């Protein structure tokens, strides 16, 4: 595994997408944690502050707006992830966004952008 380029929290109720995202990002050198719910995300954030959060706009029946806003207030860059809607529809101004399904290279590019490590 490459060096640790930063901590990423992937919050999504789709286990397959979380796993794929974790593998792709770990291969690039990021330390990745996963959360399947808002409660898991909040526990992970309390335990270890991430540098970047990939946050699904919808987690099952729940909406992620409150966590989204709290992360931004805490200065943690957030990439809104959605397969059905645009984050702006919920009044959320994301630092970045990813539409599902996304290509691994798009995932890496967004995380690098949010980490301030945009490759030329």
PDB file of N, CA and C in Angstrom:
ATOM      1  N   UNK A   1       0.837  -1.181   0.000  1.00  0.00           N
ATOM      2  CA  UNK A   1       0.000   0.000   0.000  1.00  0.00           C
ATOM      3  C   UNK A   1       0.883   1.245   0.000  1.00  0.00           C
ATOM      4  N   UNK A   2       0.416   2.253  -0.686  1.00  0.00           N
ATOM      5  CA  UNK A   2       1.161   3.508  -0.787  1.00  0.00           C
ATOM      6  C   UNK A   2       1.046   4.287   0.515  1.00  0.00           C
ATOM      7  N   UNK A   3       1.684   5.440   0.551  1.00  0.00           N
ATOM      8  CA  UNK A   3       1.655   6.296   1.736  1.00  0.00           C
ATOM      9  C   UNK A   3       0.248   6.766   2.057  1.00  0.00           C
ATOM     10  N   UNK A   4       0.049   7.241   3.281  1.00  0.00           N
ATOM     11  CA  UNK A   4      -1.246   7.751   3.694  1.00  0.00           C
ATOM     12  C   UNK A   4      -1.384   9.197   3.220  1.00  0.00           C
ATOM     13  N   UNK A   5      -2.225   9.408   2.229  1.00  0.00           N
ATOM     14  CA  UNK A   5      -2.431  10.750   1.675  1.00  0.00           C
ATOM     15  C   UNK A   5      -3.522  11.518   2.397  1.00  0.00           C
ATOM     16  N   UNK A   6      -4.187  10.877   3.329  1.00  0.00           N
ATOM     17  CA  UNK A   6      -5.250  11.529   4.076  1.00  0.00           C
ATOM     18  C   UNK A   6      -6.334  10.542   4.440  1.00  0.00           C
ATOM     19  N   UNK A   7      -7.255  11.001   5.314  1.00  0.00           N
ATOM     20  CA  UNK A   7      -8.335  10.155   5.813  1.00  0.00           C
ATOM     21  C   UNK A   7      -9.640  10.486   5.093  1.00  0.00           C
ATOM     22  N   UNK A   8     -10.271   9.440   4.569  1.00  0.00           N
ATOM     23  CA  UNK A   8     -11.532   9.590   3.851  1.00  0.00           C
ATOM     24  C   UNK A   8     -12.584   8.729   4.542  1.00  0.00           C
ATOM     25  N   UNK A   9     -13.752   9.305   4.775  1.00  0.00           N
ATOM     26  CA  UNK A   9     -14.882   8.552   5.304  1.00  0.00           C
ATOM     27  C   UNK A   9     -15.897   8.396   4.179  1.00  0.00           C
ATOM     28  N   UNK A  10     -16.242   7.146   3.858  1.00  0.00           N
ATOM     29  CA  UNK A  10     -17.231   6.840   2.833  1.00  0.00           C
ATOM     30  C   UNK A  10     -18.521   6.446   3.542  1.00  0.00           C
ATOM     31  N   UNK A  11     -19.561   7.271   3.368  1.00  0.00           N
ATOM     32  CA  UNK A  11     -20.844   7.036   4.025  1.00  0.00           C
ATOM     33  C   UNK A  11     -21.880   6.711   2.951  1.00  0.00           C
ATOM     34  N   UNK A  12     -22.308   5.447   2.943  1.00  0.00           N
ATOM     35  CA  UNK A  12     -23.264   4.994   1.937  1.00  0.00           C
ATOM     36  C   UNK A  12     -23.925   3.728   2.453  1.00  0.00           C
ATOM     37  N   UNK A  13     -25.221   3.570   2.197  1.00  0.00           N
ATOM     38  CA  UNK A  13     -25.901   2.357   2.635  1.00  0.00           C
ATOM     39  C   UNK A  13     -25.734   1.209   1.646  1.00  0.00           C
ATOM     40  N   UNK A  14     -25.074   1.434   0.545  1.00  0.00           N
ATOM     41  CA  UNK A  14     -24.776   0.394  -0.442  1.00  0.00           C
ATOM     42  C   UNK A  14     -23.415  -0.220  -0.104  1.00  0.00           C
ATOM     43  N   UNK A  15     -23.436  -1.423   0.470  1.00  0.00           N
ATOM     44  CA  UNK A  15     -22.202  -2.077   0.924  1.00  0.00           C
ATOM     45  C   UNK A  15     -21.215  -2.294  -0.212  1.00  0.00           C
ATOM     46  N   UNK A  16     -21.698  -2.672  -1.373  1.00  0.00           N
ATOM     47  CA  UNK A  16     -20.813  -2.905  -2.510  1.00  0.00           C
ATOM     48  C   UNK A  16     -20.098  -1.643  -2.951  1.00  0.00           C
ATOM     49  N   UNK A  17     -20.819  -0.540  -2.994  1.00  0.00           N
ATOM     50  CA  UNK A  17     -20.219   0.729  -3.399  1.00  0.00           C
ATOM     51  C   UNK A  17     -19.213   1.218  -2.357  1.00  0.00           C
ATOM     52  N   UNK A  18     -19.540   1.032  -1.077  1.00  0.00           N
ATOM     53  CA  UNK A  18     -18.592   1.406  -0.021  1.00  0.00           C
ATOM     54  C   UNK A  18     -17.304   0.602  -0.162  1.00  0.00           C
ATOM     55  N   UNK A  19     -17.435  -0.695  -0.365  1.00  0.00           N
ATOM     56  CA  UNK A  19     -16.257  -1.556  -0.473  1.00  0.00           C
ATOM     57  C   UNK A  19     -15.422  -1.188  -1.687  1.00  0.00           C
ATOM     58  N   UNK A  20     -16.075  -1.001  -2.821  1.00  0.00           N
ATOM     59  CA  UNK A  20     -15.355  -0.618  -4.039  1.00  0.00           C
ATOM     60  C   UNK A  20     -14.635   0.709  -3.839  1.00  0.00           C
ATOM     61  N   UNK A  21     -15.319   1.681  -3.246  1.00  0.00           N
ATOM     62  CA  UNK A  21     -14.708   2.993  -3.002  1.00  0.00           C
ATOM     63  C   UNK A  21     -13.501   2.854  -2.081  1.00  0.00           C
ATOM     64  N   UNK A  22     -13.651   2.061  -1.022  1.00  0.00           N
ATOM     65  CA  UNK A  22     -12.539   1.868  -0.081  1.00  0.00           C
ATOM     66  C   UNK A  22     -11.339   1.247  -0.781  1.00  0.00           C
ATOM     67  N   UNK A  23     -11.561   0.208  -1.559  1.00  0.00           N
ATOM     68  CA  UNK A  23     -10.451  -0.467  -2.241  1.00  0.00           C
ATOM     69  C   UNK A  23      -9.742   0.480  -3.200  1.00  0.00           C
ATOM     70  N   UNK A  24     -10.515   1.186  -4.012  1.00  0.00           N
ATOM     71  CA  UNK A  24      -9.933   2.116  -4.987  1.00  0.00           C
ATOM     72  C   UNK A  24      -9.100   3.180  -4.275  1.00  0.00           C
ATOM     73  N   UNK A  25      -9.649   3.762  -3.229  1.00  0.00           N
ATOM     74  CA  UNK A  25      -8.949   4.842  -2.528  1.00  0.00           C
ATOM     75  C   UNK A  25      -7.742   4.328  -1.746  1.00  0.00           C
ATOM     76  N   UNK A  26      -7.851   3.151  -1.157  1.00  0.00           N
ATOM     77  CA  UNK A  26      -6.694   2.594  -0.454  1.00  0.00           C
ATOM     78  C   UNK A  26      -5.553   2.290  -1.414  1.00  0.00           C
ATOM     79  N   UNK A  27      -5.880   1.820  -2.605  1.00  0.00           N
ATOM     80  CA  UNK A  27      -4.836   1.571  -3.604  1.00  0.00           C
ATOM     81  C   UNK A  27      -4.126   2.854  -4.011  1.00  0.00           C
ATOM     82  N   UNK A  28      -4.814   3.979  -3.885  1.00  0.00           N
ATOM     83  CA  UNK A  28      -4.215   5.285  -4.197  1.00  0.00           C
ATOM     84  C   UNK A  28      -3.423   5.850  -3.026  1.00  0.00           C
ATOM     85  N   UNK A  29      -3.535   5.226  -1.847  1.00  0.00           N
ATOM     86  CA  UNK A  29      -2.766   5.664  -0.699  1.00  0.00           C
ATOM     87  C   UNK A  29      -3.543   6.389   0.383  1.00  0.00           C
ATOM     88  N   UNK A  30      -4.871   6.390   0.295  1.00  0.00           N
ATOM     89  CA  UNK A  30      -5.692   7.036   1.307  1.00  0.00           C
ATOM     90  C   UNK A  30      -6.062   6.044   2.406  1.00  0.00           C
ATOM     91  N   UNK A  31      -6.226   6.546   3.619  1.00  0.00           N
ATOM     92  CA  UNK A  31      -6.759   5.749   4.729  1.00  0.00           C
ATOM     93  C   UNK A  31      -8.275   5.918   4.666  1.00  0.00           C
ATOM     94  N   UNK A  32      -9.024   4.816   4.591  1.00  0.00           N
ATOM     95  CA  UNK A  32     -10.472   4.891   4.368  1.00  0.00           C
ATOM     96  C   UNK A  32     -11.229   4.172   5.472  1.00  0.00           C
ATOM     97  N   UNK A  33     -12.273   4.833   5.956  1.00  0.00           N
ATOM     98  CA  UNK A  33     -13.239   4.209   6.859  1.00  0.00           C
ATOM     99  C   UNK A  33     -14.579   4.209   6.171  1.00  0.00           C
ATOM    100  N   UNK A  34     -15.404   3.249   6.540  1.00  0.00           N
ATOM    101  CA  UNK A  34     -16.731   3.121   5.954  1.00  0.00           C
ATOM    102  C   UNK A  34     -17.797   3.287   7.027  1.00  0.00           C
ATOM    103  N   UNK A  35     -18.946   3.823   6.617  1.00  0.00           N
ATOM    104  CA  UNK A  35     -20.115   3.916   7.480  1.00  0.00           C
ATOM    105  C   UNK A  35     -21.349   3.645   6.629  1.00  0.00           C
ATOM    106  N   UNK A  36     -22.263   2.829   7.176  1.00  0.00           N
ATOM    107  CA  UNK A  36     -23.467   2.459   6.442  1.00  0.00           C
ATOM    108  C   UNK A  36     -24.682   3.293   6.839  1.00  0.00           C
ATOM    109  N   UNK A  37     -24.542   4.107   7.877  1.00  0.00           N
ATOM    110  CA  UNK A  37     -25.671   4.892   8.365  1.00  0.00           C
ATOM    111  C   UNK A  37     -25.171   6.215   8.936  1.00  0.00           C
ATOM    112  N   UNK A  38     -26.113   7.093   9.214  1.00  0.00           N
ATOM    113  CA  UNK A  38     -25.746   8.365   9.826  1.00  0.00           C
ATOM    114  C   UNK A  38     -25.142   8.146  11.207  1.00  0.00           C
ATOM    115  N   UNK A  39     -25.686   7.211  11.967  1.00  0.00           N
ATOM    116  CA  UNK A  39     -25.152   6.927  13.301  1.00  0.00           C
ATOM    117  C   UNK A  39     -23.717   6.406  13.209  1.00  0.00           C
ATOM    118  N   UNK A  40     -23.456   5.503  12.276  1.00  0.00           N
ATOM    119  CA  UNK A  40     -22.090   4.997  12.093  1.00  0.00           C
ATOM    120  C   UNK A  40     -21.155   6.111  11.657  1.00  0.00           C
ATOM    121  N   UNK A  41     -21.643   6.993  10.796  1.00  0.00           N
ATOM    122  CA  UNK A  41     -20.816   8.109  10.321  1.00  0.00           C
ATOM    123  C   UNK A  41     -20.450   9.029  11.480  1.00  0.00           C
ATOM    124  N   UNK A  42     -21.422   9.367  12.297  1.00  0.00           N
ATOM    125  CA  UNK A  42     -21.163  10.257  13.424  1.00  0.00           C
ATOM    126  C   UNK A  42     -20.181   9.624  14.410  1.00  0.00           C
ATOM    127  N   UNK A  43     -20.302   8.312  14.641  1.00  0.00           N
ATOM    128  CA  UNK A  43     -19.369   7.621  15.537  1.00  0.00           C
ATOM    129  C   UNK A  43     -17.960   7.627  14.956  1.00  0.00           C
ATOM    130  N   UNK A  44     -17.849   7.377  13.652  1.00  0.00           N
ATOM    131  CA  UNK A  44     -16.534   7.359  12.996  1.00  0.00           C
ATOM    132  C   UNK A  44     -15.890   8.742  13.045  1.00  0.00           C
ATOM    133  N   UNK A  45     -16.675   9.780  12.836  1.00  0.00           N
ATOM    134  CA  UNK A  45     -16.160  11.152  12.855  1.00  0.00           C
ATOM    135  C   UNK A  45     -15.699  11.529  14.258  1.00  0.00           C
ATOM    136  N   UNK A  46     -16.453  11.105  15.268  1.00  0.00           N
ATOM    137  CA  UNK A  46     -16.081  11.397  16.653  1.00  0.00           C
ATOM    138  C   UNK A  46     -14.790  10.678  17.038  1.00  0.00           C
ATOM    139  N   UNK A  47     -14.588   9.491  16.492  1.00  0.00           N
ATOM    140  CA  UNK A  47     -13.395   8.708  16.799  1.00  0.00           C
ATOM    141  C   UNK A  47     -12.155   9.234  16.091  1.00  0.00           C
ATOM    142  N   UNK A  48     -12.307   9.604  14.827  1.00  0.00           N
ATOM    143  CA  UNK A  48     -11.171  10.076  14.039  1.00  0.00           C
ATOM    144  C   UNK A  48     -11.680  11.034  12.969  1.00  0.00           C
ATOM    145  N   UNK A  49     -11.330  12.303  13.109  1.00  0.00           N
ATOM    146  CA  UNK A  49     -11.791  13.324  12.162  1.00  0.00           C
ATOM    147  C   UNK A  49     -11.253  13.024  10.765  1.00  0.00           C
ATOM    148  N   UNK A  50     -12.154  12.869   9.795  1.00  0.00           N
ATOM    149  CA  UNK A  50     -11.696  12.637   8.420  1.00  0.00           C
ATOM    150  C   UNK A  50     -11.253  13.944   7.766  1.00  0.00           C
ATOM    151  N   UNK A  51     -10.446  13.810   6.738  1.00  0.00           N
ATOM    152  CA  UNK A  51     -10.051  14.974   5.944  1.00  0.00           C
ATOM    153  C   UNK A  51     -11.111  15.287   4.896  1.00  0.00           C
ATOM    154  N   UNK A  52     -11.780  14.236   4.417  1.00  0.00           N
ATOM    155  CA  UNK A  52     -12.801  14.337   3.377  1.00  0.00           C
ATOM    156  C   UNK A  52     -13.892  13.312   3.685  1.00  0.00           C
ATOM    157  N   UNK A  53     -15.145  13.685   3.401  1.00  0.00           N
ATOM    158  CA  UNK A  53     -16.258  12.747   3.547  1.00  0.00           C
ATOM    159  C   UNK A  53     -16.983  12.637   2.214  1.00  0.00           C
ATOM    160  N   UNK A  54     -17.210  11.391   1.796  1.00  0.00           N
ATOM    161  CA  UNK A  54     -18.084  11.107   0.663  1.00  0.00           C
ATOM    162  C   UNK A  54     -19.417  10.705   1.272  1.00  0.00           C
ATOM    163  N   UNK A  55     -20.428  11.534   1.112  1.00  0.00           N
ATOM    164  CA  UNK A  55     -21.690  11.353   1.828  1.00  0.00           C
ATOM    165  C   UNK A  55     -22.843  11.154   0.860  1.00  0.00           C
ATOM    166  N   UNK A  56     -23.450   9.974   0.941  1.00  0.00           N
ATOM    167  CA  UNK A  56     -24.642   9.694   0.149  1.00  0.00           C
ATOM    168  C   UNK A  56     -25.746  10.644   0.608  1.00  0.00           C
ATOM    169  N   UNK A  57     -26.433  11.259  -0.338  1.00  0.00           N
ATOM    170  CA  UNK A  57     -27.496  12.206  -0.016  1.00  0.00           C
ATOM    171  C   UNK A  57     -28.659  11.500   0.670  1.00  0.00           C
ATOM    172  N   UNK A  58     -28.936  10.254   0.274  1.00  0.00           N
ATOM    173  CA  UNK A  58     -30.001   9.453   0.880  1.00  0.00           C
ATOM    174  C   UNK A  58     -29.397   8.204   1.482  1.00  0.00           C
ATOM    175  N   UNK A  59     -29.635   8.013   2.764  1.00  0.00           N
ATOM    176  CA  UNK A  59     -29.193   6.784   3.430  1.00  0.00           C
ATOM    177  C   UNK A  59     -30.441   6.022   3.858  1.00  0.00           C
ATOM    178  N   UNK A  60     -30.866   5.101   2.988  1.00  0.00           N
ATOM    179  CA  UNK A  60     -32.106   4.393   3.262  1.00  0.00           C
ATOM    180  C   UNK A  60     -33.231   5.406   3.328  1.00  0.00           C
ATOM    181  N   UNK A  61     -34.020   5.360   4.400  1.00  0.00           N
ATOM    182  CA  UNK A  61     -35.136   6.300   4.512  1.00  0.00           C
ATOM    183  C   UNK A  61     -34.712   7.672   5.033  1.00  0.00           C
ATOM    184  N   UNK A  62     -33.443   7.825   5.367  1.00  0.00           N
ATOM    185  CA  UNK A  62     -32.983   9.066   5.987  1.00  0.00           C
ATOM    186  C   UNK A  62     -32.318   9.992   4.973  1.00  0.00           C
ATOM    187  N   UNK A  63     -32.386  11.265   5.264  1.00  0.00           N
ATOM    188  CA  UNK A  63     -31.755  12.295   4.453  1.00  0.00           C
ATOM    189  C   UNK A  63     -30.526  12.786   5.209  1.00  0.00           C
ATOM    190  N   UNK A  64     -29.446  13.052   4.518  1.00  0.00           N
ATOM    191  CA  UNK A  64     -28.160  13.370   5.132  1.00  0.00           C
ATOM    192  C   UNK A  64     -27.922  14.863   5.338  1.00  0.00           C
ATOM    193  N   UNK A  65     -28.925  15.699   5.172  1.00  0.00           N
ATOM    194  CA  UNK A  65     -28.720  17.149   5.181  1.00  0.00           C
ATOM    195  C   UNK A  65     -28.112  17.670   6.473  1.00  0.00           C
ATOM    196  N   UNK A  66     -28.586  17.188   7.627  1.00  0.00           N
ATOM    197  CA  UNK A  66     -28.057  17.707   8.894  1.00  0.00           C
ATOM    198  C   UNK A  66     -26.582  17.381   9.060  1.00  0.00           C
ATOM    199  N   UNK A  67     -26.202  16.140   8.767  1.00  0.00           N
ATOM    200  CA  UNK A  67     -24.793  15.762   8.861  1.00  0.00           C
ATOM    201  C   UNK A  67     -23.978  16.546   7.837  1.00  0.00           C
ATOM    202  N   UNK A  68     -24.508  16.686   6.661  1.00  0.00           N
ATOM    203  CA  UNK A  68     -23.853  17.437   5.589  1.00  0.00           C
ATOM    204  C   UNK A  68     -23.507  18.842   6.074  1.00  0.00           C
ATOM    205  N   UNK A  69     -24.474  19.527   6.637  1.00  0.00           N
ATOM    206  CA  UNK A  69     -24.257  20.908   7.106  1.00  0.00           C
ATOM    207  C   UNK A  69     -23.270  20.956   8.269  1.00  0.00           C
ATOM    208  N   UNK A  70     -23.371  19.990   9.179  1.00  0.00           N
ATOM    209  CA  UNK A  70     -22.453  19.957  10.322  1.00  0.00           C
ATOM    210  C   UNK A  70     -21.014  19.767   9.868  1.00  0.00           C
ATOM    211  N   UNK A  71     -20.808  18.884   8.896  1.00  0.00           N
ATOM    212  CA  UNK A  71     -19.454  18.673   8.374  1.00  0.00           C
ATOM    213  C   UNK A  71     -18.906  19.959   7.775  1.00  0.00           C
ATOM    214  N   UNK A  72     -19.725  20.644   7.009  1.00  0.00           N
ATOM    215  CA  UNK A  72     -19.266  21.888   6.404  1.00  0.00           C
ATOM    216  C   UNK A  72     -18.977  22.950   7.464  1.00  0.00           C
ATOM    217  N   UNK A  73     -19.788  23.012   8.504  1.00  0.00           N
ATOM    218  CA  UNK A  73     -19.532  23.969   9.591  1.00  0.00           C
ATOM    219  C   UNK A  73     -18.219  23.652  10.291  1.00  0.00           C
ATOM    220  N   UNK A  74     -17.876  22.368  10.349  1.00  0.00           N
ATOM    221  CA  UNK A  74     -16.625  21.939  10.980  1.00  0.00           C
ATOM    222  C   UNK A  74     -15.431  22.042  10.032  1.00  0.00           C
ATOM    223  N   UNK A  75     -15.666  22.509   8.810  1.00  0.00           N
ATOM    224  CA  UNK A  75     -14.580  22.690   7.859  1.00  0.00           C
ATOM    225  C   UNK A  75     -14.093  21.406   7.210  1.00  0.00           C
ATOM    226  N   UNK A  76     -14.939  20.383   7.203  1.00  0.00           N
ATOM    227  CA  UNK A  76     -14.576  19.117   6.558  1.00  0.00           C
ATOM    228  C   UNK A  76     -15.186  19.104   5.161  1.00  0.00           C
ATOM    229  N   UNK A  77     -14.365  19.013   4.116  1.00  0.00           N
ATOM    230  CA  UNK A  77     -14.895  18.982   2.757  1.00  0.00           C
ATOM    231  C   UNK A  77     -15.799  17.766   2.535  1.00  0.00           C
ATOM    232  N   UNK A  78     -16.919  18.006   1.847  1.00  0.00           N
ATOM    233  CA  UNK A  78     -17.910  16.963   1.621  1.00  0.00           C
ATOM    234  C   UNK A  78     -18.186  16.831   0.129  1.00  0.00           C
ATOM    235  N   UNK A  79     -18.126  15.600  -0.342  1.00  0.00           N
ATOM    236  CA  UNK A  79     -18.584  15.292  -1.694  1.00  0.00           C
ATOM    237  C   UNK A  79     -19.940  14.624  -1.550  1.00  0.00           C
ATOM    238  N   UNK A  80     -20.972  15.236  -2.103  1.00  0.00           N
ATOM    239  CA  UNK A  80     -22.312  14.673  -2.068  1.00  0.00           C
ATOM    240  C   UNK A  80     -22.418  13.601  -3.152  1.00  0.00           C
ATOM    241  N   UNK A  81     -22.932  12.447  -2.755  1.00  0.00           N
ATOM    242  CA  UNK A  81     -23.058  11.312  -3.667  1.00  0.00           C
ATOM    243  C   UNK A  81     -24.537  10.984  -3.806  1.00  0.00           C
ATOM    244  N   UNK A  82     -25.005  10.856  -5.049  1.00  0.00           N
ATOM    245  CA  UNK A  82     -26.416  10.546  -5.255  1.00  0.00           C
ATOM    246  C   UNK A  82     -26.617   9.861  -6.593  1.00  0.00           C
ATOM    247  N   UNK A  83     -27.544   8.945  -6.600  1.00  0.00           N
ATOM    248  CA  UNK A  83     -27.908   8.290  -7.840  1.00  0.00           C
ATOM    249  C   UNK A  83     -29.220   8.785  -8.390  1.00  0.00           C
ATOM    250  N   UNK A  84     -29.921   9.626  -7.623  1.00  0.00           N
ATOM    251  CA  UNK A  84     -31.261  10.016  -8.041  1.00  0.00           C
ATOM    252  C   UNK A  84     -31.513  11.514  -8.103  1.00  0.00           C
ATOM    253  N   UNK A  85     -30.705  12.310  -7.433  1.00  0.00           N
ATOM    254  CA  UNK A  85     -31.011  13.739  -7.386  1.00  0.00           C
ATOM    255  C   UNK A  85     -29.735  14.553  -7.244  1.00  0.00           C
ATOM    256  N   UNK A  86     -29.880  15.830  -7.433  1.00  0.00           N
ATOM    257  CA  UNK A  86     -28.782  16.760  -7.252  1.00  0.00           C
ATOM    258  C   UNK A  86     -28.821  17.288  -5.822  1.00  0.00           C
ATOM    259  N   UNK A  87     -27.668  17.403  -5.168  1.00  0.00           N
ATOM    260  CA  UNK A  87     -27.646  17.920  -3.796  1.00  0.00           C
ATOM    261  C   UNK A  87     -28.304  19.290  -3.659  1.00  0.00           C
ATOM    262  N   UNK A  88     -28.210  20.116  -4.688  1.00  0.00           N
ATOM    263  CA  UNK A  88     -28.785  21.463  -4.624  1.00  0.00           C
ATOM    264  C   UNK A  88     -30.310  21.420  -4.459  1.00  0.00           C
ATOM    265  N   UNK A  89     -30.937  20.310  -4.864  1.00  0.00           N
ATOM    266  CA  UNK A  89     -32.382  20.178  -4.695  1.00  0.00           C
ATOM    267  C   UNK A  89     -32.777  20.211  -3.220  1.00  0.00           C
ATOM    268  N   UNK A  90     -31.843  19.900  -2.350  1.00  0.00           N
ATOM    269  CA  UNK A  90     -32.102  19.887  -0.904  1.00  0.00           C
ATOM    270  C   UNK A  90     -31.471  21.084  -0.218  1.00  0.00           C
ATOM    271  N   UNK A  91     -31.048  22.065  -0.998  1.00  0.00           N
ATOM    272  CA  UNK A  91     -30.416  23.241  -0.426  1.00  0.00           C
ATOM    273  C   UNK A  91     -28.994  22.986   0.034  1.00  0.00           C
ATOM    274  N   UNK A  92     -28.393  21.926  -0.466  1.00  0.00           N
ATOM    275  CA  UNK A  92     -27.039  21.562  -0.074  1.00  0.00           C
ATOM    276  C   UNK A  92     -26.058  22.037  -1.134  1.00  0.00           C
ATOM    277  N   UNK A  93     -25.093  22.812  -0.717  1.00  0.00           N
ATOM    278  CA  UNK A  93     -24.053  23.269  -1.622  1.00  0.00           C
ATOM    279  C   UNK A  93     -22.819  22.429  -1.327  1.00  0.00           C
ATOM    280  N   UNK A  94     -22.586  21.457  -2.176  1.00  0.00           N
ATOM    281  CA  UNK A  94     -21.487  20.520  -1.950  1.00  0.00           C
ATOM    282  C   UNK A  94     -20.161  21.120  -2.391  1.00  0.00           C
ATOM    283  N   UNK A  95     -19.098  20.665  -1.740  1.00  0.00           N
ATOM    284  CA  UNK A  95     -17.752  21.022  -2.182  1.00  0.00           C
ATOM    285  C   UNK A  95     -17.442  20.309  -3.493  1.00  0.00           C
ATOM    286  N   UNK A  96     -18.089  19.160  -3.688  1.00  0.00           N
ATOM    287  CA  UNK A  96     -17.977  18.376  -4.914  1.00  0.00           C
ATOM    288  C   UNK A  96     -19.156  17.416  -4.928  1.00  0.00           C
ATOM    289  N   UNK A  97     -19.405  16.817  -6.079  1.00  0.00           N
ATOM    290  CA  UNK A  97     -20.476  15.824  -6.129  1.00  0.00           C
ATOM    291  C   UNK A  97     -20.090  14.692  -7.071  1.00  0.00           C
ATOM    292  N   UNK A  98     -20.672  13.539  -6.788  1.00  0.00           N
ATOM    293  CA  UNK A  98     -20.470  12.348  -7.602  1.00  0.00           C
ATOM    294  C   UNK A  98     -21.835  11.729  -7.854  1.00  0.00           C
ATOM    295  N   UNK A  99     -22.127  11.441  -9.117  1.00  0.00           N
ATOM    296  CA  UNK A  99     -23.359  10.747  -9.446  1.00  0.00           C
ATOM    297  C   UNK A  99     -23.102   9.250  -9.514  1.00  0.00           C
ATOM    298  N   UNK A 100     -24.020   8.483  -8.960  1.00  0.00           N
ATOM    299  CA  UNK A 100     -23.905   7.023  -9.014  1.00  0.00           C
ATOM    300  C   UNK A 100     -24.478   6.536 -10.327  1.00  0.00           C
ATOM    301  N   UNK A 101     -23.902   5.549 -10.930  1.00  0.00           N
ATOM    302  CA  UNK A 101     -22.608   4.953 -10.579  1.00  0.00           C
ATOM    303  C   UNK A 101     -21.478   5.859 -11.057  1.00  0.00           C
ATOM    304  N   UNK A 102     -20.354   5.808 -10.358  1.00  0.00           N
ATOM    305  CA  UNK A 102     -19.223   6.633 -10.759  1.00  0.00           C
ATOM    306  C   UNK A 102     -18.032   5.750 -11.090  1.00  0.00           C
ATOM    307  N   UNK A 103     -17.212   6.274 -11.971  1.00  0.00           N
ATOM    308  CA  UNK A 103     -16.000   5.581 -12.394  1.00  0.00           C
ATOM    309  C   UNK A 103     -14.940   5.751 -11.313  1.00  0.00           C
ATOM    310  N   UNK A 104     -14.135   4.725 -11.057  1.00  0.00           N
ATOM    311  CA  UNK A 104     -13.084   4.850 -10.042  1.00  0.00           C
ATOM    312  C   UNK A 104     -12.189   6.068 -10.230  1.00  0.00           C
ATOM    313  N   UNK A 105     -11.883   6.413 -11.468  1.00  0.00           N
ATOM    314  CA  UNK A 105     -11.013   7.576 -11.689  1.00  0.00           C
ATOM    315  C   UNK A 105     -11.705   8.872 -11.273  1.00  0.00           C
ATOM    316  N   UNK A 106     -13.027   8.949 -11.432  1.00  0.00           N
ATOM    317  CA  UNK A 106     -13.769  10.127 -10.990  1.00  0.00           C
ATOM    318  C   UNK A 106     -13.756  10.215  -9.464  1.00  0.00           C
ATOM    319  N   UNK A 107     -13.876   9.088  -8.808  1.00  0.00           N
ATOM    320  CA  UNK A 107     -13.807   9.042  -7.349  1.00  0.00           C
ATOM    321  C   UNK A 107     -12.465   9.567  -6.856  1.00  0.00           C
ATOM    322  N   UNK A 108     -11.400   9.054  -7.422  1.00  0.00           N
ATOM    323  CA  UNK A 108     -10.053   9.474  -7.019  1.00  0.00           C
ATOM    324  C   UNK A 108      -9.852  10.961  -7.288  1.00  0.00           C
ATOM    325  N   UNK A 109     -10.306  11.428  -8.439  1.00  0.00           N
ATOM    326  CA  UNK A 109     -10.137  12.842  -8.797  1.00  0.00           C
ATOM    327  C   UNK A 109     -10.858  13.750  -7.802  1.00  0.00           C
ATOM    328  N   UNK A 110     -12.074  13.389  -7.409  1.00  0.00           N
ATOM    329  CA  UNK A 110     -12.825  14.210  -6.460  1.00  0.00           C
ATOM    330  C   UNK A 110     -12.127  14.237  -5.105  1.00  0.00           C
ATOM    331  N   UNK A 111     -11.672  13.081  -4.650  1.00  0.00           N
ATOM    332  CA  UNK A 111     -10.990  13.043  -3.353  1.00  0.00           C
ATOM    333  C   UNK A 111      -9.695  13.844  -3.413  1.00  0.00           C
ATOM    334  N   UNK A 112      -8.937  13.695  -4.481  1.00  0.00           N
ATOM    335  CA  UNK A 112      -7.696  14.469  -4.615  1.00  0.00           C
ATOM    336  C   UNK A 112      -7.994  15.961  -4.646  1.00  0.00           C
ATOM    337  N   UNK A 113      -9.045  16.335  -5.365  1.00  0.00           N
ATOM    338  CA  UNK A 113      -9.433  17.748  -5.437  1.00  0.00           C
ATOM    339  C   UNK A 113      -9.744  18.270  -4.034  1.00  0.00           C
ATOM    340  N   UNK A 114     -10.526  17.516  -3.292  1.00  0.00           N
ATOM    341  CA  UNK A 114     -10.912  17.962  -1.969  1.00  0.00           C
ATOM    342  C   UNK A 114      -9.751  17.948  -0.989  1.00  0.00           C
ATOM    343  N   UNK A 115      -8.790  17.097  -1.231  1.00  0.00           N
ATOM    344  CA  UNK A 115      -7.584  17.052  -0.388  1.00  0.00           C
ATOM    345  C   UNK A 115      -6.581  18.129  -0.807  1.00  0.00           C
ATOM    346  N   UNK A 116      -6.854  18.805  -1.915  1.00  0.00           N
ATOM    347  CA  UNK A 116      -5.906  19.795  -2.396  1.00  0.00           C
ATOM    348  C   UNK A 116      -4.739  19.175  -3.128  1.00  0.00           C
ATOM    349  N   UNK A 117      -4.946  17.964  -3.626  1.00  0.00           N
ATOM    350  CA  UNK A 117      -3.880  17.241  -4.319  1.00  0.00           C
ATOM    351  C   UNK A 117      -4.268  16.942  -5.755  1.00  0.00           C
ATOM    352  N   UNK A 118      -4.790  17.924  -6.440  1.00  0.00           N
ATOM    353  CA  UNK A 118      -5.187  17.731  -7.828  1.00  0.00           C
ATOM    354  C   UNK A 118      -3.949  17.455  -8.663  1.00  0.00           C
ATOM    355  N   UNK A 119      -3.979  16.350  -9.375  1.00  0.00           N
ATOM    356  CA  UNK A 119      -2.831  16.015 -10.225  1.00  0.00           C
ATOM    357  C   UNK A 119      -2.990  16.698 -11.579  1.00  0.00           C
ATOM    358  N   UNK A 120      -1.891  17.133 -12.101  1.00  0.00           N
ATOM    359  CA  UNK A 120      -1.927  17.805 -13.415  1.00  0.00           C
ATOM    360  C   UNK A 120      -1.874  16.784 -14.530  1.00  0.00           C
TER     361      UNK A 120
END
